[in-house]
Amino acid sequence: MDGERVAYDAVVLATGYRSGVERLVDGAEALLDARGRAVNGGITPRRGLYLVGYATPATGFLREIGAAARRVAEHIRQEEGRRS
């Protein structure tokens, strides 16, 4: 990376088995616990940054991603309502 900064409306990271988010987001280590899972259900204090798929529960990965995506979508809906 050359350090260039660009403004985006949305960013979706599909990074595979290891997220590598630490290389992409300054201070990302504060967004993950000691086991590399997203803290606060993946809703970060950074506006517009959400982490989904950072846990492997016994109930199944795809089920967890669906639940996390619903939480994030609801949070975004509420944030949009506050700005209206």
PDB file of N, CA and C in Angstrom:
ATOM      1  N   MET A   1       0.844  -1.177   0.000  1.00  0.00           N
ATOM      2  CA  MET A   1       0.000   0.000   0.000  1.00  0.00           C
ATOM      3  C   MET A   1       0.888   1.239   0.000  1.00  0.00           C
ATOM      4  N   ASP A   2       0.465   2.257  -0.727  1.00  0.00           N
ATOM      5  CA  ASP A   2       1.275   3.457  -0.844  1.00  0.00           C
ATOM      6  C   ASP A   2       0.832   4.577   0.088  1.00  0.00           C
ATOM      7  N   GLY A   3      -0.132   4.325   0.987  1.00  0.00           N
ATOM      8  CA  GLY A   3      -0.582   5.332   1.938  1.00  0.00           C
ATOM      9  C   GLY A   3      -1.629   6.290   1.397  1.00  0.00           C
ATOM     10  N   GLU A   4      -2.049   6.094   0.139  1.00  0.00           N
ATOM     11  CA  GLU A   4      -3.070   6.960  -0.440  1.00  0.00           C
ATOM     12  C   GLU A   4      -4.392   6.778   0.305  1.00  0.00           C
ATOM     13  N   ARG A   5      -5.107   7.886   0.541  1.00  0.00           N
ATOM     14  CA  ARG A   5      -6.409   7.836   1.202  1.00  0.00           C
ATOM     15  C   ARG A   5      -7.488   8.216   0.205  1.00  0.00           C
ATOM     16  N   VAL A   6      -8.570   7.430   0.223  1.00  0.00           N
ATOM     17  CA  VAL A   6      -9.676   7.640  -0.695  1.00  0.00           C
ATOM     18  C   VAL A   6     -10.974   7.516   0.087  1.00  0.00           C
ATOM     19  N   ALA A   7     -11.956   8.373  -0.190  1.00  0.00           N
ATOM     20  CA  ALA A   7     -13.256   8.302   0.477  1.00  0.00           C
ATOM     21  C   ALA A   7     -14.175   7.358  -0.294  1.00  0.00           C
ATOM     22  N   TYR A   8     -14.853   6.460   0.441  1.00  0.00           N
ATOM     23  CA  TYR A   8     -15.779   5.516  -0.161  1.00  0.00           C
ATOM     24  C   TYR A   8     -17.115   5.584   0.566  1.00  0.00           C
ATOM     25  N   ASP A   9     -18.193   5.277  -0.123  1.00  0.00           N
ATOM     26  CA  ASP A   9     -19.505   5.169   0.516  1.00  0.00           C
ATOM     27  C   ASP A   9     -19.610   3.877   1.300  1.00  0.00           C
ATOM     28  N   ALA A  10     -19.008   2.808   0.786  1.00  0.00           N
ATOM     29  CA  ALA A  10     -19.050   1.504   1.454  1.00  0.00           C
ATOM     30  C   ALA A  10     -17.840   0.697   1.037  1.00  0.00           C
ATOM     31  N   VAL A  11     -17.387  -0.152   1.949  1.00  0.00           N
ATOM     32  CA  VAL A  11     -16.295  -1.066   1.664  1.00  0.00           C
ATOM     33  C   VAL A  11     -16.697  -2.437   2.189  1.00  0.00           C
ATOM     34  N   VAL A  12     -16.597  -3.443   1.352  1.00  0.00           N
ATOM     35  CA  VAL A  12     -16.871  -4.812   1.748  1.00  0.00           C
ATOM     36  C   VAL A  12     -15.573  -5.584   1.588  1.00  0.00           C
ATOM     37  N   LEU A  13     -15.099  -6.155   2.687  1.00  0.00           N
ATOM     38  CA  LEU A  13     -13.871  -6.919   2.643  1.00  0.00           C
ATOM     39  C   LEU A  13     -14.209  -8.404   2.637  1.00  0.00           C
ATOM     40  N   ALA A  14     -13.831  -9.086   1.601  1.00  0.00           N
ATOM     41  CA  ALA A  14     -13.985 -10.539   1.523  1.00  0.00           C
ATOM     42  C   ALA A  14     -12.565 -11.078   1.529  1.00  0.00           C
ATOM     43  N   THR A  15     -12.033 -11.286   2.738  1.00  0.00           N
ATOM     44  CA  THR A  15     -10.595 -11.494   2.867  1.00  0.00           C
ATOM     45  C   THR A  15     -10.172 -12.931   3.079  1.00  0.00           C
ATOM     46  N   GLY A  16     -11.100 -13.875   3.112  1.00  0.00           N
ATOM     47  CA  GLY A  16     -10.719 -15.275   3.245  1.00  0.00           C
ATOM     48  C   GLY A  16     -10.612 -15.738   4.679  1.00  0.00           C
ATOM     49  N   TYR A  17      -9.772 -16.739   4.916  1.00  0.00           N
ATOM     50  CA  TYR A  17      -9.683 -17.376   6.234  1.00  0.00           C
ATOM     51  C   TYR A  17      -9.041 -16.481   7.291  1.00  0.00           C
ATOM     52  N   ARG A  18      -8.168 -15.617   6.899  1.00  0.00           N
ATOM     53  CA  ARG A  18      -7.561 -14.649   7.817  1.00  0.00           C
ATOM     54  C   ARG A  18      -7.908 -13.270   7.294  1.00  0.00           C
ATOM     55  N   SER A  19      -8.444 -12.448   8.167  1.00  0.00           N
ATOM     56  CA  SER A  19      -8.988 -11.177   7.697  1.00  0.00           C
ATOM     57  C   SER A  19      -7.940 -10.215   7.180  1.00  0.00           C
ATOM     58  N   GLY A  20      -6.822 -10.093   7.865  1.00  0.00           N
ATOM     59  CA  GLY A  20      -5.832  -9.115   7.447  1.00  0.00           C
ATOM     60  C   GLY A  20      -6.299  -7.689   7.639  1.00  0.00           C
ATOM     61  N   VAL A  21      -7.396  -7.516   8.383  1.00  0.00           N
ATOM     62  CA  VAL A  21      -7.954  -6.176   8.576  1.00  0.00           C
ATOM     63  C   VAL A  21      -6.944  -5.244   9.246  1.00  0.00           C
ATOM     64  N   GLU A  22      -6.018  -5.805  10.013  1.00  0.00           N
ATOM     65  CA  GLU A  22      -5.008  -4.990  10.681  1.00  0.00           C
ATOM     66  C   GLU A  22      -4.142  -4.225   9.680  1.00  0.00           C
ATOM     67  N   ARG A  23      -3.967  -4.776   8.501  1.00  0.00           N
ATOM     68  CA  ARG A  23      -3.171  -4.094   7.468  1.00  0.00           C
ATOM     69  C   ARG A  23      -3.985  -3.066   6.706  1.00  0.00           C
ATOM     70  N   LEU A  24      -5.313  -3.160   6.791  1.00  0.00           N
ATOM     71  CA  LEU A  24      -6.175  -2.294   5.998  1.00  0.00           C
ATOM     72  C   LEU A  24      -6.777  -1.131   6.778  1.00  0.00           C
ATOM     73  N   VAL A  25      -6.919  -1.284   8.094  1.00  0.00           N
ATOM     74  CA  VAL A  25      -7.603  -0.283   8.915  1.00  0.00           C
ATOM     75  C   VAL A  25      -6.689   0.118  10.056  1.00  0.00           C
ATOM     76  N   ASP A  26      -6.334   1.391  10.139  1.00  0.00           N
ATOM     77  CA  ASP A  26      -5.524   1.880  11.250  1.00  0.00           C
ATOM     78  C   ASP A  26      -6.236   1.620  12.572  1.00  0.00           C
ATOM     79  N   GLY A  27      -5.504   1.056  13.540  1.00  0.00           N
ATOM     80  CA  GLY A  27      -6.074   0.801  14.850  1.00  0.00           C
ATOM     81  C   GLY A  27      -7.033  -0.373  14.904  1.00  0.00           C
ATOM     82  N   ALA A  28      -7.008  -1.242  13.908  1.00  0.00           N
ATOM     83  CA  ALA A  28      -7.951  -2.367  13.832  1.00  0.00           C
ATOM     84  C   ALA A  28      -7.820  -3.311  15.017  1.00  0.00           C
ATOM     85  N   GLU A  29      -6.641  -3.392  15.604  1.00  0.00           N
ATOM     86  CA  GLU A  29      -6.469  -4.309  16.727  1.00  0.00           C
ATOM     87  C   GLU A  29      -7.412  -3.976  17.886  1.00  0.00           C
ATOM     88  N   ALA A  30      -7.855  -2.744  18.007  1.00  0.00           N
ATOM     89  CA  ALA A  30      -8.814  -2.355  19.053  1.00  0.00           C
ATOM     90  C   ALA A  30     -10.228  -2.846  18.729  1.00  0.00           C
ATOM     91  N   LEU A  31     -10.457  -3.281  17.491  1.00  0.00           N
ATOM     92  CA  LEU A  31     -11.777  -3.746  17.076  1.00  0.00           C
ATOM     93  C   LEU A  31     -11.939  -5.253  17.242  1.00  0.00           C
ATOM     94  N   LEU A  32     -10.847  -5.938  17.600  1.00  0.00           N
ATOM     95  CA  LEU A  32     -10.844  -7.393  17.725  1.00  0.00           C
ATOM     96  C   LEU A  32     -10.406  -7.791  19.130  1.00  0.00           C
ATOM     97  N   ASP A  33     -10.940  -8.916  19.618  1.00  0.00           N
ATOM     98  CA  ASP A  33     -10.503  -9.410  20.915  1.00  0.00           C
ATOM     99  C   ASP A  33      -9.219 -10.222  20.751  1.00  0.00           C
ATOM    100  N   ALA A  34      -8.725 -10.810  21.839  1.00  0.00           N
ATOM    101  CA  ALA A  34      -7.462 -11.551  21.814  1.00  0.00           C
ATOM    102  C   ALA A  34      -7.500 -12.751  20.875  1.00  0.00           C
ATOM    103  N   ARG A  35      -8.700 -13.272  20.587  1.00  0.00           N
ATOM    104  CA  ARG A  35      -8.833 -14.421  19.684  1.00  0.00           C
ATOM    105  C   ARG A  35      -9.113 -14.000  18.245  1.00  0.00           C
ATOM    106  N   GLY A  36      -9.103 -12.707  17.970  1.00  0.00           N
ATOM    107  CA  GLY A  36      -9.319 -12.217  16.612  1.00  0.00           C
ATOM    108  C   GLY A  36     -10.769 -12.064  16.228  1.00  0.00           C
ATOM    109  N   ARG A  37     -11.671 -12.117  17.208  1.00  0.00           N
ATOM    110  CA  ARG A  37     -13.106 -11.964  16.934  1.00  0.00           C
ATOM    111  C   ARG A  37     -13.504 -10.500  17.106  1.00  0.00           C
ATOM    112  N   ALA A  38     -14.461 -10.085  16.316  1.00  0.00           N
ATOM    113  CA  ALA A  38     -14.939  -8.699  16.384  1.00  0.00           C
ATOM    114  C   ALA A  38     -15.597  -8.439  17.732  1.00  0.00           C
ATOM    115  N   VAL A  39     -15.250  -7.317  18.339  1.00  0.00           N
ATOM    116  CA  VAL A  39     -15.891  -6.923  19.598  1.00  0.00           C
ATOM    117  C   VAL A  39     -17.183  -6.179  19.283  1.00  0.00           C
ATOM    118  N   ASN A  40     -18.084  -6.121  20.249  1.00  0.00           N
ATOM    119  CA  ASN A  40     -19.352  -5.392  20.135  1.00  0.00           C
ATOM    120  C   ASN A  40     -20.198  -5.876  18.957  1.00  0.00           C
ATOM    121  N   GLY A  41     -20.176  -7.164  18.704  1.00  0.00           N
ATOM    122  CA  GLY A  41     -21.006  -7.718  17.639  1.00  0.00           C
ATOM    123  C   GLY A  41     -20.655  -7.216  16.257  1.00  0.00           C
ATOM    124  N   GLY A  42     -19.442  -6.703  16.085  1.00  0.00           N
ATOM    125  CA  GLY A  42     -19.006  -6.227  14.774  1.00  0.00           C
ATOM    126  C   GLY A  42     -19.420  -4.806  14.448  1.00  0.00           C
ATOM    127  N   ILE A  43     -20.132  -4.151  15.376  1.00  0.00           N
ATOM    128  CA  ILE A  43     -20.509  -2.741  15.178  1.00  0.00           C
ATOM    129  C   ILE A  43     -19.416  -1.907  15.837  1.00  0.00           C
ATOM    130  N   THR A  44     -18.609  -1.295  15.027  1.00  0.00           N
ATOM    131  CA  THR A  44     -17.447  -0.571  15.536  1.00  0.00           C
ATOM    132  C   THR A  44     -17.808   0.876  15.843  1.00  0.00           C
ATOM    133  N   PRO A  45     -16.976   1.556  16.629  1.00  0.00           N
ATOM    134  CA  PRO A  45     -17.217   2.974  16.889  1.00  0.00           C
ATOM    135  C   PRO A  45     -16.925   3.859  15.680  1.00  0.00           C
ATOM    136  N   ARG A  46     -16.387   3.288  14.639  1.00  0.00           N
ATOM    137  CA  ARG A  46     -16.080   4.059  13.428  1.00  0.00           C
ATOM    138  C   ARG A  46     -17.292   4.069  12.506  1.00  0.00           C
ATOM    139  N   ARG A  47     -17.755   5.228  12.181  1.00  0.00           N
ATOM    140  CA  ARG A  47     -18.938   5.370  11.325  1.00  0.00           C
ATOM    141  C   ARG A  47     -18.731   4.636  10.003  1.00  0.00           C
ATOM    142  N   GLY A  48     -19.652   3.725   9.696  1.00  0.00           N
ATOM    143  CA  GLY A  48     -19.624   3.019   8.423  1.00  0.00           C
ATOM    144  C   GLY A  48     -18.722   1.805   8.375  1.00  0.00           C
ATOM    145  N   LEU A  49     -18.069   1.445   9.493  1.00  0.00           N
ATOM    146  CA  LEU A  49     -17.197   0.274   9.495  1.00  0.00           C
ATOM    147  C   LEU A  49     -17.831  -0.815  10.351  1.00  0.00           C
ATOM    148  N   TYR A  50     -18.103  -1.964   9.740  1.00  0.00           N
ATOM    149  CA  TYR A  50     -18.733  -3.096  10.412  1.00  0.00           C
ATOM    150  C   TYR A  50     -17.939  -4.350  10.098  1.00  0.00           C
ATOM    151  N   LEU A  51     -17.864  -5.260  11.058  1.00  0.00           N
ATOM    152  CA  LEU A  51     -17.132  -6.506  10.877  1.00  0.00           C
ATOM    153  C   LEU A  51     -18.101  -7.679  11.030  1.00  0.00           C
ATOM    154  N   VAL A  52     -18.215  -8.500  10.015  1.00  0.00           N
ATOM    155  CA  VAL A  52     -19.119  -9.654  10.023  1.00  0.00           C
ATOM    156  C   VAL A  52     -18.305 -10.889   9.641  1.00  0.00           C
ATOM    157  N   GLY A  53     -18.543 -11.997  10.347  1.00  0.00           N
ATOM    158  CA  GLY A  53     -17.874 -13.246  10.014  1.00  0.00           C
ATOM    159  C   GLY A  53     -16.596 -13.477  10.791  1.00  0.00           C
ATOM    160  N   TYR A  54     -16.481 -12.890  11.980  1.00  0.00           N
ATOM    161  CA  TYR A  54     -15.272 -13.018  12.777  1.00  0.00           C
ATOM    162  C   TYR A  54     -15.401 -14.029  13.901  1.00  0.00           C
ATOM    163  N   ALA A  55     -16.339 -14.956  13.821  1.00  0.00           N
ATOM    164  CA  ALA A  55     -16.503 -15.995  14.835  1.00  0.00           C
ATOM    165  C   ALA A  55     -16.864 -17.298  14.149  1.00  0.00           C
ATOM    166  N   THR A  56     -16.526 -18.397  14.783  1.00  0.00           N
ATOM    167  CA  THR A  56     -16.896 -19.708  14.276  1.00  0.00           C
ATOM    168  C   THR A  56     -17.637 -20.447  15.383  1.00  0.00           C
ATOM    169  N   PRO A  57     -18.933 -20.211  15.511  1.00  0.00           N
ATOM    170  CA  PRO A  57     -19.697 -20.835  16.591  1.00  0.00           C
ATOM    171  C   PRO A  57     -20.066 -22.281  16.274  1.00  0.00           C
ATOM    172  N   ALA A  58     -20.414 -23.008  17.316  1.00  0.00           N
ATOM    173  CA  ALA A  58     -20.818 -24.402  17.146  1.00  0.00           C
ATOM    174  C   ALA A  58     -22.090 -24.522  16.315  1.00  0.00           C
ATOM    175  N   THR A  59     -22.911 -23.469  16.290  1.00  0.00           N
ATOM    176  CA  THR A  59     -24.170 -23.509  15.555  1.00  0.00           C
ATOM    177  C   THR A  59     -23.984 -23.345  14.050  1.00  0.00           C
ATOM    178  N   GLY A  60     -22.789 -22.995  13.633  1.00  0.00           N
ATOM    179  CA  GLY A  60     -22.523 -22.884  12.199  1.00  0.00           C
ATOM    180  C   GLY A  60     -22.126 -21.490  11.771  1.00  0.00           C
ATOM    181  N   PHE A  61     -21.161 -21.424  10.894  1.00  0.00           N
ATOM    182  CA  PHE A  61     -20.604 -20.164  10.424  1.00  0.00           C
ATOM    183  C   PHE A  61     -21.619 -19.353   9.627  1.00  0.00           C
ATOM    184  N   LEU A  62     -22.317 -19.994   8.692  1.00  0.00           N
ATOM    185  CA  LEU A  62     -23.273 -19.259   7.859  1.00  0.00           C
ATOM    186  C   LEU A  62     -24.428 -18.703   8.685  1.00  0.00           C
ATOM    187  N   ARG A  63     -24.871 -19.456   9.680  1.00  0.00           N
ATOM    188  CA  ARG A  63     -25.929 -18.968  10.573  1.00  0.00           C
ATOM    189  C   ARG A  63     -25.444 -17.710  11.310  1.00  0.00           C
ATOM    190  N   GLU A  64     -24.215 -17.741  11.805  1.00  0.00           N
ATOM    191  CA  GLU A  64     -23.659 -16.595  12.532  1.00  0.00           C
ATOM    192  C   GLU A  64     -23.519 -15.376  11.621  1.00  0.00           C
ATOM    193  N   ILE A  65     -23.067 -15.591  10.397  1.00  0.00           N
ATOM    194  CA  ILE A  65     -22.932 -14.474   9.453  1.00  0.00           C
ATOM    195  C   ILE A  65     -24.294 -13.849   9.194  1.00  0.00           C
ATOM    196  N   GLY A  66     -25.327 -14.669   9.019  1.00  0.00           N
ATOM    197  CA  GLY A  66     -26.672 -14.146   8.796  1.00  0.00           C
ATOM    198  C   GLY A  66     -27.157 -13.313   9.964  1.00  0.00           C
ATOM    199  N   ALA A  67     -26.931 -13.807  11.185  1.00  0.00           N
ATOM    200  CA  ALA A  67     -27.353 -13.065  12.380  1.00  0.00           C
ATOM    201  C   ALA A  67     -26.579 -11.764  12.509  1.00  0.00           C
ATOM    202  N   ALA A  68     -25.280 -11.813  12.275  1.00  0.00           N
ATOM    203  CA  ALA A  68     -24.457 -10.599  12.365  1.00  0.00           C
ATOM    204  C   ALA A  68     -24.855  -9.592  11.294  1.00  0.00           C
ATOM    205  N   ALA A  69     -25.125 -10.068  10.098  1.00  0.00           N
ATOM    206  CA  ALA A  69     -25.532  -9.164   9.018  1.00  0.00           C
ATOM    207  C   ALA A  69     -26.850  -8.471   9.354  1.00  0.00           C
ATOM    208  N   ARG A  70     -27.777  -9.202   9.983  1.00  0.00           N
ATOM    209  CA  ARG A  70     -29.042  -8.580  10.396  1.00  0.00           C
ATOM    210  C   ARG A  70     -28.809  -7.514  11.463  1.00  0.00           C
ATOM    211  N   ARG A  71     -27.917  -7.783  12.433  1.00  0.00           N
ATOM    212  CA  ARG A  71     -27.598  -6.785  13.465  1.00  0.00           C
ATOM    213  C   ARG A  71     -27.003  -5.534  12.839  1.00  0.00           C
ATOM    214  N   VAL A  72     -26.074  -5.726  11.933  1.00  0.00           N
ATOM    215  CA  VAL A  72     -25.425  -4.593  11.276  1.00  0.00           C
ATOM    216  C   VAL A  72     -26.440  -3.807  10.452  1.00  0.00           C
ATOM    217  N   ALA A  73     -27.285  -4.493   9.693  1.00  0.00           N
ATOM    218  CA  ALA A  73     -28.293  -3.811   8.872  1.00  0.00           C
ATOM    219  C   ALA A  73     -29.239  -2.993   9.745  1.00  0.00           C
ATOM    220  N   GLU A  74     -29.652  -3.544  10.880  1.00  0.00           N
ATOM    221  CA  GLU A  74     -30.533  -2.806  11.788  1.00  0.00           C
ATOM    222  C   GLU A  74     -29.820  -1.584  12.362  1.00  0.00           C
ATOM    223  N   HIS A  75     -28.560  -1.729  12.699  1.00  0.00           N
ATOM    224  CA  HIS A  75     -27.792  -0.593  13.211  1.00  0.00           C
ATOM    225  C   HIS A  75     -27.693   0.511  12.155  1.00  0.00           C
ATOM    226  N   ILE A  76     -27.417   0.122  10.922  1.00  0.00           N
ATOM    227  CA  ILE A  76     -27.325   1.107   9.832  1.00  0.00           C
ATOM    228  C   ILE A  76     -28.671   1.793   9.642  1.00  0.00           C
ATOM    229  N   ARG A  77     -29.773   1.032   9.680  1.00  0.00           N
ATOM    230  CA  ARG A  77     -31.103   1.613   9.538  1.00  0.00           C
ATOM    231  C   ARG A  77     -31.364   2.640  10.636  1.00  0.00           C
ATOM    232  N   GLN A  78     -30.996   2.323  11.853  1.00  0.00           N
ATOM    233  CA  GLN A  78     -31.198   3.255  12.959  1.00  0.00           C
ATOM    234  C   GLN A  78     -30.326   4.499  12.814  1.00  0.00           C
ATOM    235  N   GLU A  79     -29.097   4.305  12.394  1.00  0.00           N
ATOM    236  CA  GLU A  79     -28.190   5.453  12.175  1.00  0.00           C
ATOM    237  C   GLU A  79     -28.737   6.380  11.093  1.00  0.00           C
ATOM    238  N   GLU A  80     -29.246   5.791  10.008  1.00  0.00           N
ATOM    239  CA  GLU A  80     -29.822   6.593   8.925  1.00  0.00           C
ATOM    240  C   GLU A  80     -31.037   7.377   9.430  1.00  0.00           C
ATOM    241  N   GLY A  81     -31.847   6.748  10.285  1.00  0.00           N
ATOM    242  CA  GLY A  81     -33.028   7.419  10.850  1.00  0.00           C
ATOM    243  C   GLY A  81     -32.646   8.594  11.721  1.00  0.00           C
ATOM    244  N   ARG A  82     -31.531   8.497  12.428  1.00  0.00           N
ATOM    245  CA  ARG A  82     -31.074   9.603  13.279  1.00  0.00           C
ATOM    246  C   ARG A  82     -30.592  10.792  12.462  1.00  0.00           C
ATOM    247  N   ARG A  83     -30.085  10.516  11.263  1.00  0.00           N
ATOM    248  CA  ARG A  83     -29.573  11.597  10.410  1.00  0.00           C
ATOM    249  C   ARG A  83     -30.668  12.286   9.628  1.00  0.00           C
ATOM    250  N   SER A  84     -31.856  11.671   9.548  1.00  0.00           N
ATOM    251  CA  SER A  84     -32.958  12.256   8.744  1.00  0.00           C
ATOM    252  C   SER A  84     -33.593  13.409   9.474  1.00  0.00           C
TER     253      SER A  84
END
